Protein backbone atom coordinates (compact mmCIF):
# COMPACT_ATOMS: atom_id res chain seq x y z
CA MET A 1 2.50 4.45 15.84
CA THR A 2 -1.09 5.00 16.14
CA ILE A 3 -3.60 3.78 13.37
CA GLN A 4 -4.11 7.21 12.28
CA LYS A 5 -0.46 8.30 11.96
CA GLU A 6 -0.16 5.22 9.91
CA ILE A 7 -2.92 6.17 7.65
CA GLU A 8 -1.71 9.67 7.06
CA LYS A 9 1.95 8.38 6.45
CA LEU A 10 0.00 6.41 3.60
CA LYS A 11 -1.31 9.58 2.39
CA GLU A 12 1.51 11.17 1.91
CA ALA A 13 3.55 8.35 0.62
CA MET A 14 0.05 7.89 -1.91
CA LYS A 15 0.80 12.03 -3.15
CA GLU A 16 4.66 11.75 -3.63
CA THR A 17 4.55 8.35 -5.78
CA LYS A 18 4.87 8.39 -9.78
CA ASN A 19 4.23 5.04 -9.55
CA PRO A 20 0.66 3.38 -10.36
CA ARG A 21 1.68 0.45 -8.88
CA MET A 22 2.81 1.64 -5.67
CA TYR A 23 -0.38 3.64 -5.39
CA GLU A 24 -2.15 0.70 -5.67
CA ARG A 25 0.06 -1.01 -2.46
CA TYR A 26 -0.64 2.01 -0.44
CA LEU A 27 -4.14 1.93 -1.36
CA ALA A 28 -4.64 -1.28 0.00
CA VAL A 29 -3.14 -1.30 2.87
CA ARG A 30 -4.93 2.32 4.03
CA LEU A 31 -7.92 0.63 2.97
CA HIS A 32 -7.50 -2.11 5.41
CA LEU A 33 -6.49 0.25 7.57
CA GLU A 34 -9.69 2.25 7.22
CA GLY A 35 -11.43 -1.17 7.99
CA ARG A 36 -11.86 -3.40 5.35
CA THR A 37 -11.56 -6.70 4.48
CA LEU A 38 -8.79 -8.07 2.21
CA SER A 39 -11.61 -9.60 0.06
CA GLU A 40 -13.29 -6.63 -0.22
CA ILE A 41 -10.02 -4.59 -1.16
CA ALA A 42 -9.26 -7.82 -3.55
CA GLY A 43 -12.74 -6.65 -5.00
CA ILE A 44 -12.47 -3.23 -4.96
CA LEU A 45 -9.11 -3.01 -6.78
CA ASN A 46 -9.53 -6.10 -9.23
CA ARG A 47 -6.83 -8.49 -8.04
CA SER A 48 -6.66 -11.61 -6.56
CA PHE A 49 -6.17 -12.08 -2.63
CA PRO A 50 -3.23 -13.36 -3.08
CA THR A 51 -2.14 -10.13 -3.75
CA ILE A 52 -3.38 -8.42 -1.47
CA SER A 53 -2.96 -10.20 1.39
CA GLY A 54 0.97 -9.87 0.57
CA TYR A 55 0.54 -6.12 0.32
CA TRP A 56 -0.61 -6.16 3.86
CA ASN A 57 1.87 -9.15 4.94
CA SER A 58 5.01 -7.31 3.42
CA TYR A 59 3.97 -3.75 5.36
CA ARG A 60 3.03 -5.39 8.61
CA ASN A 61 6.00 -7.32 8.69
CA GLU A 62 8.81 -4.07 7.24
CA GLY A 63 6.22 -1.20 6.97
CA LEU A 64 6.41 1.06 4.36
CA GLN A 65 10.37 0.75 3.80
CA ALA A 66 9.51 -2.53 2.57
CA TRP A 67 8.73 -0.50 -0.16
CA ALA A 68 11.11 1.64 -0.74
CA PHE A 69 13.32 0.36 -2.99
CA VAL A 70 11.00 -0.18 -5.55
CA SER A 71 8.98 3.09 -5.84
CA THR A 72 12.32 4.42 -5.60
CA ARG A 73 13.47 2.40 -8.58
CA ALA A 74 10.25 3.15 -10.51
CA ASP A 75 9.58 6.49 -9.84
CA LEU A 76 13.67 7.13 -11.73
CA LYS A 77 12.05 5.39 -14.46
CA ASN A 78 9.59 8.24 -14.96
């Protein structure tokens, strides 16, 4: 999948989620795919570098499905 297609999938996920935590994860990954460094993203989102790095590594290893269970559970609560 091309980077542009990955970004489009993330934008769609950001529109669909009702969970602010999931929105932040999607945004962090999207910003990195758009060229921001993990350190820059940590500063933008006011999160630690290990947190942002964890989001990125999870996405790289398993894609969006890595967060499917978390997202579904959280959206059901809202």
